[in-house]
N, C-alpha and C. Protein backbone atom coordinates (compact mmCIF):
# COMPACT_ATOMS: atom_id res chain seq x y z
N MET A 1 91.51 110.22 74.57
CA MET A 1 92.83 109.76 75.03
C MET A 1 92.67 108.47 75.84
N THR A 2 93.48 107.47 75.53
CA THR A 2 93.43 106.19 76.23
C THR A 2 94.31 106.23 77.47
N THR A 3 93.75 105.76 78.58
CA THR A 3 94.52 105.70 79.82
C THR A 3 95.52 104.56 79.76
N GLU A 4 96.77 104.86 80.01
CA GLU A 4 97.80 103.83 79.98
C GLU A 4 97.70 102.94 81.22
N ALA A 5 97.76 101.63 80.99
CA ALA A 5 97.70 100.67 82.09
C ALA A 5 99.07 100.53 82.75
N PRO A 6 99.09 100.15 84.02
CA PRO A 6 100.38 99.93 84.69
C PRO A 6 101.16 98.80 84.02
N ARG A 7 102.46 98.96 83.96
CA ARG A 7 103.32 97.92 83.43
C ARG A 7 103.63 96.92 84.54
N PRO A 8 103.48 95.63 84.28
CA PRO A 8 103.60 94.63 85.35
C PRO A 8 105.03 94.43 85.83
N PRO A 9 105.17 93.96 87.06
CA PRO A 9 106.51 93.64 87.57
C PRO A 9 107.07 92.40 86.90
N LYS A 10 108.38 92.32 86.87
CA LYS A 10 109.06 91.13 86.35
C LYS A 10 109.79 90.47 87.51
N ILE A 11 109.37 89.24 87.80
CA ILE A 11 109.92 88.52 88.95
C ILE A 11 110.35 87.14 88.50
N SER A 12 111.54 86.73 88.87
CA SER A 12 112.06 85.41 88.56
C SER A 12 112.72 84.85 89.82
N LEU A 13 112.05 83.87 90.41
CA LEU A 13 112.54 83.30 91.66
C LEU A 13 112.95 81.84 91.44
N ASN A 14 114.23 81.59 91.41
CA ASN A 14 114.75 80.25 91.16
C ASN A 14 115.84 79.91 92.17
N SER A 15 115.87 78.61 92.55
CA SER A 15 116.94 78.09 93.41
C SER A 15 117.13 78.96 94.65
N LEU A 16 116.04 79.15 95.40
CA LEU A 16 116.10 79.99 96.58
C LEU A 16 116.71 79.25 97.77
N ALA A 17 117.51 79.96 98.52
CA ALA A 17 118.06 79.40 99.75
C ALA A 17 117.10 79.66 100.91
N THR A 18 117.09 78.77 101.88
CA THR A 18 116.21 78.95 103.04
C THR A 18 116.72 80.09 103.91
N GLY A 19 115.81 81.01 104.21
CA GLY A 19 116.16 82.14 105.06
C GLY A 19 115.66 81.92 106.48
N TYR A 20 116.39 82.41 107.46
CA TYR A 20 116.05 82.24 108.86
C TYR A 20 115.90 83.62 109.52
N LEU A 21 115.25 83.63 110.65
CA LEU A 21 114.99 84.88 111.36
C LEU A 21 116.29 85.64 111.62
N GLY A 22 117.33 84.91 111.98
CA GLY A 22 118.60 85.54 112.30
C GLY A 22 119.30 86.19 111.11
N ASP A 23 118.85 85.88 109.90
CA ASP A 23 119.45 86.49 108.71
C ASP A 23 119.02 87.94 108.53
N ILE A 24 117.90 88.31 109.13
CA ILE A 24 117.32 89.63 108.89
C ILE A 24 117.83 90.62 109.93
N GLY A 25 118.45 91.66 109.45
CA GLY A 25 118.98 92.69 110.35
C GLY A 25 119.17 93.98 109.60
N PRO A 26 119.49 95.06 110.29
CA PRO A 26 119.63 96.35 109.63
C PRO A 26 120.75 96.35 108.59
N GLU A 27 120.44 96.95 107.43
CA GLU A 27 121.40 97.15 106.34
C GLU A 27 121.92 95.84 105.75
N GLU A 28 121.20 94.74 105.97
CA GLU A 28 121.61 93.47 105.37
C GLU A 28 121.20 93.41 103.90
N LEU A 29 121.96 92.68 103.08
CA LEU A 29 121.60 92.37 101.71
C LEU A 29 121.17 90.91 101.67
N LEU A 30 119.87 90.68 101.47
CA LEU A 30 119.31 89.33 101.44
C LEU A 30 118.93 89.03 100.00
N GLU A 31 119.64 88.12 99.35
CA GLU A 31 119.45 87.87 97.93
C GLU A 31 119.14 86.40 97.69
N GLY A 32 118.06 86.15 96.90
CA GLY A 32 117.71 84.80 96.51
C GLY A 32 117.37 83.90 97.68
N MET A 33 116.58 84.43 98.62
CA MET A 33 116.25 83.67 99.82
C MET A 33 114.75 83.53 99.99
N GLU A 34 114.33 82.46 100.65
CA GLU A 34 112.92 82.19 100.91
C GLU A 34 112.68 82.18 102.42
N PHE A 35 111.80 83.08 102.85
CA PHE A 35 111.45 83.17 104.27
C PHE A 35 110.00 82.72 104.44
N THR A 36 109.77 81.73 105.28
CA THR A 36 108.44 81.14 105.42
C THR A 36 108.10 80.94 106.90
N ASP A 37 106.84 81.22 107.27
CA ASP A 37 106.31 80.92 108.60
C ASP A 37 107.15 81.53 109.73
N LEU A 38 107.44 82.83 109.60
CA LEU A 38 108.24 83.50 110.61
C LEU A 38 107.43 84.60 111.30
N ASP A 39 107.75 84.85 112.57
CA ASP A 39 107.19 85.97 113.32
C ASP A 39 108.26 87.06 113.38
N LEU A 40 108.00 88.17 112.68
CA LEU A 40 108.99 89.23 112.57
C LEU A 40 108.70 90.41 113.50
N ALA A 41 107.91 90.20 114.53
CA ALA A 41 107.61 91.27 115.49
C ALA A 41 108.90 91.83 116.08
N GLU A 42 109.00 93.15 116.09
CA GLU A 42 110.11 93.90 116.68
C GLU A 42 111.45 93.69 115.97
N VAL A 43 111.45 93.06 114.81
CA VAL A 43 112.70 92.87 114.08
C VAL A 43 113.15 94.21 113.49
N ASP A 44 114.44 94.50 113.60
CA ASP A 44 115.01 95.72 113.02
C ASP A 44 115.53 95.38 111.62
N ALA A 45 114.77 95.82 110.60
CA ALA A 45 115.17 95.58 109.22
C ALA A 45 115.34 96.92 108.50
N THR A 46 115.80 97.93 109.23
CA THR A 46 115.98 99.24 108.61
C THR A 46 117.06 99.18 107.53
N GLN A 47 116.73 99.76 106.38
CA GLN A 47 117.63 99.82 105.23
C GLN A 47 118.11 98.45 104.77
N THR A 48 117.31 97.43 105.04
CA THR A 48 117.61 96.08 104.56
C THR A 48 117.14 95.93 103.12
N THR A 49 117.89 95.18 102.31
CA THR A 49 117.53 94.93 100.92
C THR A 49 117.09 93.48 100.75
N PHE A 50 115.87 93.30 100.21
CA PHE A 50 115.38 91.97 99.83
C PHE A 50 115.42 91.91 98.31
N LEU A 51 116.36 91.15 97.76
CA LEU A 51 116.54 91.06 96.32
C LEU A 51 116.21 89.66 95.85
N ASP A 52 115.21 89.55 94.97
CA ASP A 52 114.79 88.26 94.42
C ASP A 52 114.48 87.27 95.55
N CYS A 53 113.63 87.71 96.49
CA CYS A 53 113.26 86.88 97.63
C CYS A 53 111.78 86.51 97.60
N LEU A 54 111.45 85.44 98.31
CA LEU A 54 110.07 85.00 98.48
C LEU A 54 109.75 85.00 99.97
N LEU A 55 108.70 85.75 100.35
CA LEU A 55 108.29 85.83 101.75
C LEU A 55 106.86 85.32 101.85
N THR A 56 106.66 84.22 102.58
CA THR A 56 105.36 83.56 102.63
C THR A 56 104.92 83.32 104.07
N ASN A 57 103.65 83.62 104.35
CA ASN A 57 103.04 83.37 105.65
C ASN A 57 103.87 83.96 106.79
N LEU A 58 104.15 85.24 106.67
CA LEU A 58 104.91 85.93 107.70
C LEU A 58 104.01 86.81 108.55
N ASN A 59 104.36 86.95 109.81
CA ASN A 59 103.71 87.91 110.69
C ASN A 59 104.67 89.07 110.88
N PHE A 60 104.30 90.24 110.34
CA PHE A 60 105.16 91.40 110.43
C PHE A 60 104.97 92.17 111.73
N GLY A 61 104.27 91.56 112.70
CA GLY A 61 104.15 92.16 114.02
C GLY A 61 102.81 92.82 114.26
N ASP A 62 102.51 93.05 115.54
CA ASP A 62 101.26 93.72 115.89
C ASP A 62 101.53 95.22 116.08
N ALA A 63 100.47 95.95 116.43
CA ALA A 63 100.59 97.40 116.53
C ALA A 63 101.62 97.84 117.57
N ALA A 64 101.77 97.06 118.63
CA ALA A 64 102.70 97.42 119.69
C ALA A 64 104.13 97.00 119.39
N ALA A 65 104.30 96.05 118.47
CA ALA A 65 105.64 95.54 118.21
C ALA A 65 105.79 95.18 116.73
N PRO A 66 105.75 96.18 115.85
CA PRO A 66 105.87 95.89 114.42
C PRO A 66 107.33 95.75 114.00
N ILE A 67 107.54 95.12 112.86
CA ILE A 67 108.86 95.12 112.24
C ILE A 67 109.18 96.55 111.79
N ASP A 68 110.44 96.91 111.82
CA ASP A 68 110.85 98.24 111.34
C ASP A 68 111.56 98.07 109.99
N LEU A 69 110.86 98.49 108.93
CA LEU A 69 111.39 98.39 107.57
C LEU A 69 111.71 99.78 107.00
N THR A 70 111.99 100.73 107.87
CA THR A 70 112.29 102.08 107.42
C THR A 70 113.46 102.07 106.43
N GLY A 71 113.27 102.68 105.26
CA GLY A 71 114.34 102.77 104.29
C GLY A 71 114.70 101.46 103.62
N ALA A 72 113.86 100.43 103.79
CA ALA A 72 114.16 99.14 103.19
C ALA A 72 113.98 99.18 101.67
N ARG A 73 114.55 98.19 100.99
CA ARG A 73 114.45 98.09 99.54
C ARG A 73 114.00 96.68 99.17
N LEU A 74 112.92 96.59 98.39
CA LEU A 74 112.44 95.32 97.87
C LEU A 74 112.55 95.35 96.36
N SER A 75 113.17 94.35 95.77
CA SER A 75 113.30 94.29 94.32
C SER A 75 113.18 92.83 93.86
N GLY A 76 112.33 92.59 92.84
CA GLY A 76 112.15 91.24 92.33
C GLY A 76 111.63 90.28 93.37
N THR A 77 110.81 90.78 94.30
CA THR A 77 110.39 90.02 95.48
C THR A 77 108.89 89.80 95.50
N ARG A 78 108.47 88.66 96.04
CA ARG A 78 107.05 88.35 96.18
C ARG A 78 106.74 88.09 97.66
N ILE A 79 105.69 88.77 98.16
CA ILE A 79 105.20 88.56 99.52
C ILE A 79 103.78 88.00 99.41
N SER A 80 103.50 86.88 100.08
CA SER A 80 102.17 86.29 99.96
C SER A 80 101.69 85.76 101.31
N ASP A 81 100.37 85.81 101.47
CA ASP A 81 99.68 85.21 102.63
C ASP A 81 100.30 85.65 103.95
N SER A 82 100.58 86.93 104.06
CA SER A 82 101.20 87.46 105.28
C SER A 82 100.29 88.47 105.94
N ARG A 83 100.69 88.96 107.10
CA ARG A 83 99.82 89.86 107.85
C ARG A 83 100.67 90.83 108.68
N ALA A 84 100.06 91.99 108.93
CA ALA A 84 100.72 93.00 109.77
C ALA A 84 99.66 93.92 110.34
N ASP A 85 99.66 94.12 111.65
CA ASP A 85 98.78 95.14 112.23
C ASP A 85 99.26 96.52 111.82
N THR A 86 100.56 96.73 111.90
CA THR A 86 101.18 97.97 111.45
C THR A 86 102.42 97.63 110.63
N TRP A 87 102.47 98.17 109.42
CA TRP A 87 103.63 97.94 108.55
C TRP A 87 104.37 99.26 108.44
N ASN A 88 105.49 99.39 109.15
CA ASN A 88 106.28 100.61 109.14
C ASN A 88 107.37 100.49 108.09
N MET A 89 107.13 101.12 106.91
CA MET A 89 108.07 101.02 105.80
C MET A 89 108.23 102.38 105.14
N THR A 90 108.46 103.39 105.95
CA THR A 90 108.62 104.75 105.41
C THR A 90 109.93 104.86 104.65
N ARG A 91 109.92 105.77 103.67
CA ARG A 91 111.11 106.07 102.86
C ARG A 91 111.72 104.82 102.24
N ALA A 92 110.86 103.86 101.89
CA ALA A 92 111.32 102.62 101.28
C ALA A 92 111.30 102.71 99.76
N ASN A 93 111.95 101.75 99.13
CA ASN A 93 111.97 101.65 97.67
C ASN A 93 111.50 100.26 97.29
N ILE A 94 110.37 100.19 96.56
CA ILE A 94 109.79 98.90 96.18
C ILE A 94 109.74 98.83 94.67
N LEU A 95 110.44 97.86 94.08
CA LEU A 95 110.59 97.76 92.64
C LEU A 95 110.34 96.32 92.20
N HIS A 96 109.56 96.14 91.13
CA HIS A 96 109.28 94.80 90.59
C HIS A 96 108.92 93.83 91.73
N THR A 97 107.83 94.16 92.42
CA THR A 97 107.43 93.40 93.61
C THR A 97 105.94 93.09 93.58
N GLU A 98 105.55 91.92 94.09
CA GLU A 98 104.15 91.53 94.23
C GLU A 98 103.84 91.26 95.69
N ILE A 99 102.69 91.78 96.14
CA ILE A 99 102.18 91.47 97.48
C ILE A 99 100.78 90.92 97.28
N THR A 100 100.55 89.67 97.65
CA THR A 100 99.27 89.01 97.37
C THR A 100 98.72 88.32 98.61
N GLY A 101 97.39 88.24 98.68
CA GLY A 101 96.71 87.47 99.70
C GLY A 101 97.05 87.84 101.12
N SER A 102 97.35 89.11 101.37
CA SER A 102 97.82 89.51 102.68
C SER A 102 96.85 90.47 103.36
N ARG A 103 96.99 90.58 104.68
CA ARG A 103 96.13 91.44 105.50
C ARG A 103 96.98 92.48 106.19
N LEU A 104 96.64 93.76 105.95
CA LEU A 104 97.43 94.85 106.50
C LEU A 104 96.52 95.81 107.25
N GLY A 105 96.83 96.05 108.51
CA GLY A 105 96.04 97.00 109.29
C GLY A 105 96.35 98.42 108.86
N ALA A 106 97.50 98.92 109.26
CA ALA A 106 97.95 100.26 108.87
C ALA A 106 99.27 100.15 108.14
N GLY A 107 99.28 100.62 106.91
CA GLY A 107 100.52 100.65 106.13
C GLY A 107 101.12 102.04 106.22
N VAL A 108 102.17 102.20 107.01
CA VAL A 108 102.82 103.50 107.18
C VAL A 108 104.00 103.53 106.21
N VAL A 109 103.72 103.96 104.98
CA VAL A 109 104.72 103.86 103.90
C VAL A 109 104.89 105.20 103.20
N TYR A 110 104.75 106.29 103.94
CA TYR A 110 104.86 107.60 103.32
C TYR A 110 106.31 107.87 102.87
N ASP A 111 106.46 108.83 101.94
CA ASP A 111 107.77 109.21 101.40
C ASP A 111 108.51 108.01 100.80
N SER A 112 107.78 107.08 100.24
CA SER A 112 108.40 105.90 99.64
C SER A 112 108.31 105.99 98.12
N GLU A 113 108.99 105.07 97.45
CA GLU A 113 108.96 105.04 95.99
C GLU A 113 108.61 103.63 95.53
N TRP A 114 107.51 103.53 94.75
CA TRP A 114 107.05 102.25 94.24
C TRP A 114 107.10 102.28 92.72
N GLU A 115 107.66 101.25 92.11
CA GLU A 115 107.70 101.16 90.66
C GLU A 115 107.49 99.71 90.24
N LYS A 116 106.51 99.50 89.36
CA LYS A 116 106.14 98.17 88.88
C LYS A 116 105.83 97.25 90.06
N VAL A 117 104.73 97.59 90.75
CA VAL A 117 104.29 96.86 91.94
C VAL A 117 102.86 96.39 91.75
N LEU A 118 102.59 95.14 92.09
CA LEU A 118 101.24 94.57 92.06
C LEU A 118 100.82 94.23 93.48
N ILE A 119 99.68 94.80 93.90
CA ILE A 119 99.05 94.44 95.18
C ILE A 119 97.75 93.73 94.81
N ALA A 120 97.61 92.46 95.14
CA ALA A 120 96.45 91.68 94.69
C ALA A 120 95.83 90.89 95.84
N ASP A 121 94.50 90.86 95.87
CA ASP A 121 93.75 90.06 96.85
C ASP A 121 94.17 90.39 98.28
N CYS A 122 94.34 91.66 98.56
CA CYS A 122 94.76 92.08 99.90
C CYS A 122 93.65 92.86 100.58
N ARG A 123 93.64 92.79 101.90
CA ARG A 123 92.71 93.56 102.73
C ARG A 123 93.54 94.56 103.52
N ILE A 124 93.29 95.87 103.28
CA ILE A 124 94.09 96.93 103.88
C ILE A 124 93.17 97.92 104.57
N SER A 125 93.40 98.19 105.83
CA SER A 125 92.57 99.15 106.56
C SER A 125 92.95 100.58 106.21
N TYR A 126 94.24 100.89 106.27
CA TYR A 126 94.70 102.26 106.00
C TYR A 126 96.06 102.21 105.35
N LEU A 127 96.19 102.91 104.23
CA LEU A 127 97.46 102.93 103.50
C LEU A 127 97.91 104.38 103.35
N ASN A 128 98.97 104.73 104.09
CA ASN A 128 99.49 106.09 104.09
C ASN A 128 100.66 106.19 103.11
N LEU A 129 100.38 106.77 101.94
CA LEU A 129 101.38 106.94 100.90
C LEU A 129 101.68 108.42 100.67
N ARG A 130 101.51 109.23 101.68
CA ARG A 130 101.74 110.67 101.53
C ARG A 130 103.15 110.96 101.04
N GLY A 131 103.24 111.86 100.06
CA GLY A 131 104.55 112.28 99.59
C GLY A 131 105.32 111.21 98.84
N SER A 132 104.66 110.13 98.47
CA SER A 132 105.35 109.04 97.78
C SER A 132 105.30 109.22 96.27
N LYS A 133 106.10 108.43 95.59
CA LYS A 133 106.09 108.40 94.13
C LYS A 133 105.70 106.99 93.68
N LEU A 134 104.58 106.89 92.96
CA LEU A 134 104.09 105.60 92.49
C LEU A 134 104.06 105.59 90.96
N THR A 135 104.71 104.61 90.37
CA THR A 135 104.74 104.47 88.92
C THR A 135 104.49 103.01 88.58
N ASP A 136 103.49 102.75 87.74
CA ASP A 136 103.13 101.38 87.33
C ASP A 136 102.78 100.53 88.56
N VAL A 137 101.71 100.94 89.24
CA VAL A 137 101.24 100.22 90.42
C VAL A 137 99.78 99.80 90.20
N GLU A 138 99.48 98.55 90.45
CA GLU A 138 98.12 98.03 90.29
C GLU A 138 97.64 97.44 91.61
N PHE A 139 96.47 97.92 92.05
CA PHE A 139 95.77 97.33 93.20
C PHE A 139 94.64 96.48 92.63
N ARG A 140 94.83 95.18 92.59
CA ARG A 140 93.88 94.29 91.93
C ARG A 140 93.09 93.46 92.96
N ASP A 141 91.76 93.56 92.88
CA ASP A 141 90.87 92.77 93.75
C ASP A 141 91.21 92.96 95.23
N CYS A 142 91.44 94.21 95.61
CA CYS A 142 91.75 94.54 97.00
C CYS A 142 90.57 95.24 97.66
N LYS A 143 90.51 95.15 98.97
CA LYS A 143 89.56 95.93 99.75
C LYS A 143 90.36 96.87 100.64
N ILE A 144 90.25 98.16 100.36
CA ILE A 144 91.02 99.18 101.08
C ILE A 144 90.06 100.14 101.75
N ASP A 145 90.12 100.25 103.06
CA ASP A 145 89.22 101.16 103.77
C ASP A 145 89.58 102.61 103.49
N GLU A 146 90.87 102.93 103.50
CA GLU A 146 91.29 104.32 103.26
C GLU A 146 92.68 104.34 102.65
N ILE A 147 92.85 105.16 101.61
CA ILE A 147 94.16 105.35 101.00
C ILE A 147 94.46 106.84 100.97
N ASP A 148 95.66 107.20 101.41
CA ASP A 148 96.06 108.60 101.53
C ASP A 148 97.21 108.86 100.55
N LEU A 149 96.91 109.63 99.50
CA LEU A 149 97.91 109.96 98.49
C LEU A 149 98.22 111.46 98.48
N ASP A 150 98.01 112.12 99.59
CA ASP A 150 98.29 113.55 99.67
C ASP A 150 99.73 113.84 99.25
N ARG A 151 99.90 114.81 98.35
CA ARG A 151 101.21 115.27 97.88
C ARG A 151 102.02 114.19 97.17
N ALA A 152 101.37 113.12 96.78
CA ALA A 152 102.07 112.05 96.07
C ALA A 152 102.15 112.34 94.58
N LYS A 153 103.12 111.74 93.91
CA LYS A 153 103.23 111.78 92.46
C LYS A 153 102.88 110.39 91.94
N VAL A 154 101.78 110.32 91.19
CA VAL A 154 101.19 109.02 90.85
C VAL A 154 101.02 108.91 89.33
N SER A 155 101.61 107.88 88.75
CA SER A 155 101.54 107.69 87.31
C SER A 155 101.29 106.23 86.96
N ARG A 156 100.34 105.99 86.07
CA ARG A 156 99.95 104.65 85.64
C ARG A 156 99.65 103.77 86.86
N VAL A 157 98.56 104.12 87.53
CA VAL A 157 98.07 103.39 88.70
C VAL A 157 96.61 103.04 88.46
N SER A 158 96.21 101.81 88.80
CA SER A 158 94.83 101.39 88.59
C SER A 158 94.35 100.54 89.76
N PHE A 159 93.01 100.36 89.82
CA PHE A 159 92.37 99.65 90.94
C PHE A 159 91.35 98.63 90.41
N PRO A 160 91.68 97.76 89.47
CA PRO A 160 90.68 96.84 88.91
C PRO A 160 90.13 95.86 89.96
N GLY A 161 88.80 95.79 90.04
CA GLY A 161 88.16 94.86 90.95
C GLY A 161 88.28 95.23 92.42
N SER A 162 88.80 96.41 92.72
CA SER A 162 89.03 96.81 94.11
C SER A 162 87.95 97.74 94.61
N THR A 163 87.84 97.83 95.94
CA THR A 163 86.97 98.81 96.58
C THR A 163 87.82 99.68 97.49
N VAL A 164 87.48 100.97 97.54
CA VAL A 164 88.17 101.92 98.41
C VAL A 164 87.12 102.73 99.14
N GLY A 165 87.19 102.76 100.47
CA GLY A 165 86.19 103.49 101.25
C GLY A 165 86.42 104.99 101.23
N ALA A 166 87.65 105.42 101.46
CA ALA A 166 87.98 106.85 101.47
C ALA A 166 89.23 107.04 100.62
N PHE A 167 89.14 108.02 99.70
CA PHE A 167 90.25 108.29 98.78
C PHE A 167 90.69 109.73 98.98
N GLN A 168 91.95 109.91 99.33
CA GLN A 168 92.47 111.23 99.68
C GLN A 168 93.66 111.55 98.79
N CYS A 169 93.62 112.72 98.13
CA CYS A 169 94.71 113.06 97.20
C CYS A 169 94.98 114.57 97.18
N GLU A 170 94.91 115.22 98.31
CA GLU A 170 95.19 116.66 98.37
C GLU A 170 96.61 116.95 97.91
N GLY A 171 96.75 117.85 96.94
CA GLY A 171 98.07 118.24 96.48
C GLY A 171 98.81 117.19 95.69
N ALA A 172 98.11 116.13 95.27
CA ALA A 172 98.75 115.07 94.50
C ALA A 172 98.88 115.46 93.03
N THR A 173 99.82 114.83 92.35
CA THR A 173 99.99 114.98 90.91
C THR A 173 99.69 113.65 90.26
N LEU A 174 98.61 113.60 89.45
CA LEU A 174 98.17 112.34 88.88
C LEU A 174 98.36 112.32 87.37
N GLY A 175 98.72 111.17 86.84
CA GLY A 175 98.82 110.99 85.40
C GLY A 175 98.50 109.55 85.05
N ASN A 176 97.50 109.33 84.19
CA ASN A 176 97.08 107.98 83.83
C ASN A 176 96.71 107.15 85.07
N VAL A 177 95.92 107.77 85.94
CA VAL A 177 95.41 107.08 87.13
C VAL A 177 93.97 106.66 86.85
N ASP A 178 93.72 105.38 86.84
CA ASP A 178 92.42 104.82 86.46
C ASP A 178 91.61 104.52 87.73
N LEU A 179 90.61 105.35 87.99
CA LEU A 179 89.77 105.19 89.18
C LEU A 179 88.42 104.56 88.84
N ARG A 180 88.25 104.10 87.62
CA ARG A 180 86.95 103.57 87.20
C ARG A 180 86.53 102.39 88.07
N GLY A 181 85.26 102.43 88.48
CA GLY A 181 84.70 101.38 89.31
C GLY A 181 84.74 101.67 90.79
N LEU A 182 85.60 102.56 91.23
CA LEU A 182 85.67 102.90 92.65
C LEU A 182 84.50 103.79 93.04
N GLN A 183 83.93 103.54 94.20
CA GLN A 183 82.84 104.37 94.70
C GLN A 183 83.11 104.72 96.17
N PRO A 184 84.15 105.50 96.43
CA PRO A 184 84.47 105.85 97.81
C PRO A 184 83.37 106.68 98.45
N HIS A 185 83.12 106.44 99.74
CA HIS A 185 82.11 107.24 100.44
C HIS A 185 82.68 108.60 100.84
N LYS A 186 84.01 108.71 100.78
CA LYS A 186 84.66 109.98 101.09
C LYS A 186 85.76 110.23 100.06
N LEU A 187 85.73 111.42 99.47
CA LEU A 187 86.71 111.77 98.46
C LEU A 187 87.21 113.18 98.74
N SER A 188 88.50 113.32 99.02
CA SER A 188 89.05 114.65 99.28
C SER A 188 90.19 114.92 98.31
N GLY A 189 90.30 116.19 97.91
CA GLY A 189 91.31 116.56 96.94
C GLY A 189 90.76 116.57 95.53
N ILE A 190 89.48 116.96 95.39
CA ILE A 190 88.83 116.99 94.08
C ILE A 190 89.68 117.75 93.06
N HIS A 191 90.23 118.89 93.48
CA HIS A 191 91.01 119.72 92.57
C HIS A 191 92.28 119.05 92.10
N SER A 192 92.70 117.95 92.77
CA SER A 192 93.92 117.26 92.37
C SER A 192 93.65 116.04 91.50
N LEU A 193 92.40 115.86 91.06
CA LEU A 193 92.06 114.68 90.25
C LEU A 193 92.40 114.85 88.77
N ARG A 194 92.94 116.00 88.40
CA ARG A 194 93.37 116.18 87.02
C ARG A 194 94.39 115.09 86.67
N GLY A 195 94.14 114.38 85.56
CA GLY A 195 95.01 113.28 85.16
C GLY A 195 94.45 111.92 85.54
N ALA A 196 93.25 111.91 86.18
CA ALA A 196 92.59 110.65 86.53
C ALA A 196 91.47 110.36 85.54
N THR A 197 91.12 109.08 85.42
CA THR A 197 89.99 108.65 84.58
C THR A 197 88.91 108.08 85.47
N ILE A 198 87.66 108.56 85.29
CA ILE A 198 86.51 108.02 86.00
C ILE A 198 85.46 107.61 84.98
N ASP A 199 84.41 106.91 85.43
CA ASP A 199 83.37 106.48 84.51
C ASP A 199 82.11 107.33 84.69
N ASP A 200 81.11 107.07 83.85
CA ASP A 200 79.88 107.86 83.87
C ASP A 200 79.18 107.80 85.22
N THR A 201 79.15 106.62 85.83
CA THR A 201 78.47 106.46 87.13
C THR A 201 79.16 107.29 88.20
N GLN A 202 80.48 107.27 88.19
CA GLN A 202 81.22 108.07 89.17
C GLN A 202 80.98 109.56 88.96
N LEU A 203 80.87 109.98 87.71
CA LEU A 203 80.62 111.39 87.43
C LEU A 203 79.33 111.85 88.09
N MET A 204 78.30 111.01 88.05
CA MET A 204 77.03 111.35 88.69
C MET A 204 77.16 111.33 90.22
N LEU A 205 77.90 110.33 90.73
CA LEU A 205 78.05 110.22 92.18
C LEU A 205 78.84 111.39 92.76
N PHE A 206 79.84 111.86 92.00
CA PHE A 206 80.71 112.91 92.50
C PHE A 206 80.25 114.31 92.09
N ALA A 207 79.12 114.41 91.39
CA ALA A 207 78.69 115.70 90.85
C ALA A 207 78.57 116.76 91.94
N GLU A 208 78.01 116.42 93.07
CA GLU A 208 77.84 117.40 94.15
C GLU A 208 79.19 117.87 94.68
N LEU A 209 80.15 116.93 94.78
CA LEU A 209 81.48 117.30 95.24
C LEU A 209 82.17 118.23 94.24
N PHE A 210 82.02 117.91 92.96
CA PHE A 210 82.63 118.75 91.92
C PHE A 210 82.03 120.15 91.95
N ALA A 211 80.71 120.23 92.11
CA ALA A 211 80.03 121.54 92.14
C ALA A 211 80.50 122.36 93.33
N SER A 212 80.63 121.71 94.47
CA SER A 212 81.07 122.40 95.68
C SER A 212 82.49 122.95 95.51
N GLU A 213 83.36 122.14 94.89
CA GLU A 213 84.76 122.55 94.69
C GLU A 213 84.83 123.75 93.75
N LEU A 214 83.93 123.81 92.78
CA LEU A 214 83.93 124.91 91.80
C LEU A 214 83.08 126.11 92.24
N GLY A 215 82.48 125.99 93.42
CA GLY A 215 81.66 127.09 93.92
C GLY A 215 80.35 127.21 93.23
N ILE A 216 79.83 126.12 92.67
CA ILE A 216 78.55 126.11 91.95
C ILE A 216 77.44 125.70 92.90
N THR A 217 76.35 126.45 92.92
CA THR A 217 75.19 126.12 93.72
C THR A 217 74.18 125.37 92.85
N VAL A 218 73.78 124.22 93.31
CA VAL A 218 72.78 123.41 92.58
C VAL A 218 71.49 123.43 93.38
N GLU A 219 70.42 123.95 92.74
CA GLU A 219 69.12 124.05 93.45
C GLU A 219 68.04 123.34 92.64
């Protein structure tokens, strides 16, 4: 059986209007706007919609004063060359979106829904996607210290050229998840890997973990 690859996002950004810090607020609809070189620390963007927007070189705040993107919606949007110590985006909806060349300390994005999303050339310390639904998501050429997919529903997700230090998927439901090439030093949720694809090298690396999960003693 061939593993299905994620379907790419479709983004068309034309004739963008200049966006300013004051435009961003709770429950705002921001459409066709370009936000560049802004400090968004402590900004309240709860349930804000970014539709066909370009966000470049933004600071989403430090750990003590992050932007609040709870329940936000991103569609047809590209984020590039940005940074955040803590990205609080729980219960968000991300559709047809690209995030590239960015640095993220802690991504607190549990209970969110991602569809047709590309994360490329990003450095992420911790990505909390617990209870989320991911469909057609690609992590390309990323370095991720830890990703938490506990209880998530994950379909057509891949990690080409990426490294992941710790991979957690307790209680997750996986389908067409391509883990080939990843060599995490910590892997939890072995019993939830049904529906994932790994390579021969990974099979050897994870053999002890698989045996332990099945109650097999290897002597």
